[in-house]
Amino acid sequence: MMDSSETRLIDLVIDWVRANKRSGNGTADITPDTDLVASGLLDSFGFVDLIVYIESLDGCKIDLTEADPSEFTVVKGLCRMALNHKQ
C-alpha cells in the first residue's frame, strides 16, 4: 500500500513524464506500473533528466548502483527508491 508521500511523488513523476516524454508517444497511458524506458516514453537522456528532477524534490536521492534494473525504470519503483534515500 502506498503512503501519501509516495502517491504524491508518483503523481509528480507522471505529470513530469507527460510534459517531457518523447514526441511520438502522445496517447500512451502512464500509470505507477509503467516502464518509462521500455514503453518508449523516455530515452536515456530523458530518464537522466527525470532523475535530476526527482532529486530536486524534497531532498530525494537516487542511487542507481544498488538498484534492481527491472524496478528503477518503472514509475513506482523509481519513486520508492527516491523515498528510501530521502535526506
Protein backbone atom coordinates (compact mmCIF):
# COMPACT_ATOMS: atom_id res chain seq x y z
CA MET A 1 0.00 0.00 0.00
CA MET A 2 1.27 3.45 -0.92
CA ASP A 3 1.54 6.24 1.62
CA SER A 4 0.70 9.85 0.82
CA SER A 5 4.30 10.88 0.10
CA GLU A 6 4.71 8.00 -2.37
CA THR A 7 1.40 8.82 -4.05
CA ARG A 8 2.41 12.49 -4.28
CA LEU A 9 5.79 11.65 -5.81
CA ILE A 10 4.22 9.21 -8.30
CA ASP A 11 1.76 11.92 -9.38
CA LEU A 12 4.60 14.43 -9.81
CA VAL A 13 6.65 11.94 -11.86
CA ILE A 14 3.68 11.06 -14.10
CA ASP A 15 2.97 14.78 -14.68
CA TRP A 16 6.66 15.39 -15.49
CA VAL A 17 6.75 12.47 -17.93
CA ARG A 18 3.59 13.68 -19.68
CA ALA A 19 5.19 17.11 -20.12
CA ASN A 20 8.62 15.79 -21.19
CA LYS A 21 8.01 12.48 -22.99
CA ARG A 22 9.31 11.72 -26.43
CA SER A 23 7.02 13.28 -29.01
CA GLY A 24 5.89 10.03 -30.67
CA ASN A 25 4.04 8.72 -27.63
CA GLY A 26 1.16 11.15 -27.21
CA THR A 27 -1.50 8.56 -26.42
CA ALA A 28 0.41 6.32 -24.02
CA ASP A 29 -1.32 5.87 -20.66
CA ILE A 30 1.10 6.38 -17.78
CA THR A 31 0.43 4.51 -14.54
CA PRO A 32 2.55 3.69 -11.46
CA ASP A 33 3.39 0.36 -13.19
CA THR A 34 4.59 1.92 -16.47
CA ASP A 35 8.16 1.12 -17.50
CA LEU A 36 9.23 4.52 -18.80
CA VAL A 37 12.10 3.28 -20.96
CA ALA A 38 10.59 0.03 -22.32
CA SER A 39 7.39 1.89 -23.23
CA GLY A 40 9.40 4.40 -25.25
CA LEU A 41 8.12 7.35 -23.23
CA LEU A 42 11.65 8.37 -22.26
CA ASP A 43 15.00 7.71 -23.87
CA SER A 44 18.16 7.50 -21.78
CA PHE A 45 18.64 11.28 -21.79
CA GLY A 46 15.03 11.86 -20.73
CA PHE A 47 15.43 9.30 -17.96
CA VAL A 48 18.50 11.12 -16.62
CA ASP A 49 16.54 14.40 -16.73
CA LEU A 50 13.75 12.72 -14.74
CA ILE A 51 16.23 11.54 -12.09
CA VAL A 52 17.60 15.08 -11.77
CA TYR A 53 14.03 16.36 -11.39
CA ILE A 54 13.19 13.80 -8.69
CA GLU A 55 16.39 14.56 -6.80
CA SER A 56 15.48 18.26 -6.81
CA LEU A 57 12.31 17.46 -4.86
CA ASP A 58 12.36 17.34 -1.08
CA GLY A 59 15.94 16.10 -0.76
CA CYS A 60 15.31 12.82 -2.57
CA LYS A 61 18.38 10.87 -3.66
CA ILE A 62 18.52 8.06 -6.20
CA ASP A 63 21.48 5.67 -6.08
CA LEU A 64 21.37 3.53 -9.21
CA THR A 65 24.36 1.45 -8.10
CA GLU A 66 22.14 -0.54 -5.76
CA ALA A 67 19.03 -0.50 -7.95
CA ASP A 68 17.24 -3.53 -9.32
CA PRO A 69 17.35 -2.94 -13.10
CA SER A 70 13.83 -4.31 -13.52
CA GLU A 71 12.45 -1.80 -11.00
CA PHE A 72 14.16 1.55 -11.44
CA THR A 73 12.64 2.38 -14.84
CA VAL A 74 9.13 1.68 -13.52
CA VAL A 75 7.38 4.75 -12.07
CA LYS A 76 6.58 3.32 -8.62
CA GLY A 77 9.94 1.52 -8.30
CA LEU A 78 11.83 4.71 -9.06
CA CYS A 79 9.70 6.67 -6.59
CA ARG A 80 10.24 4.08 -3.85
CA MET A 81 13.99 4.23 -4.42
CA ALA A 82 13.92 8.02 -4.11
CA LEU A 83 11.86 7.96 -0.92
CA ASN A 84 14.00 5.24 0.65
CA HIS A 85 17.03 7.51 0.32
CA LYS A 86 15.37 10.78 1.26
CA GLN A 87 17.82 13.04 3.07
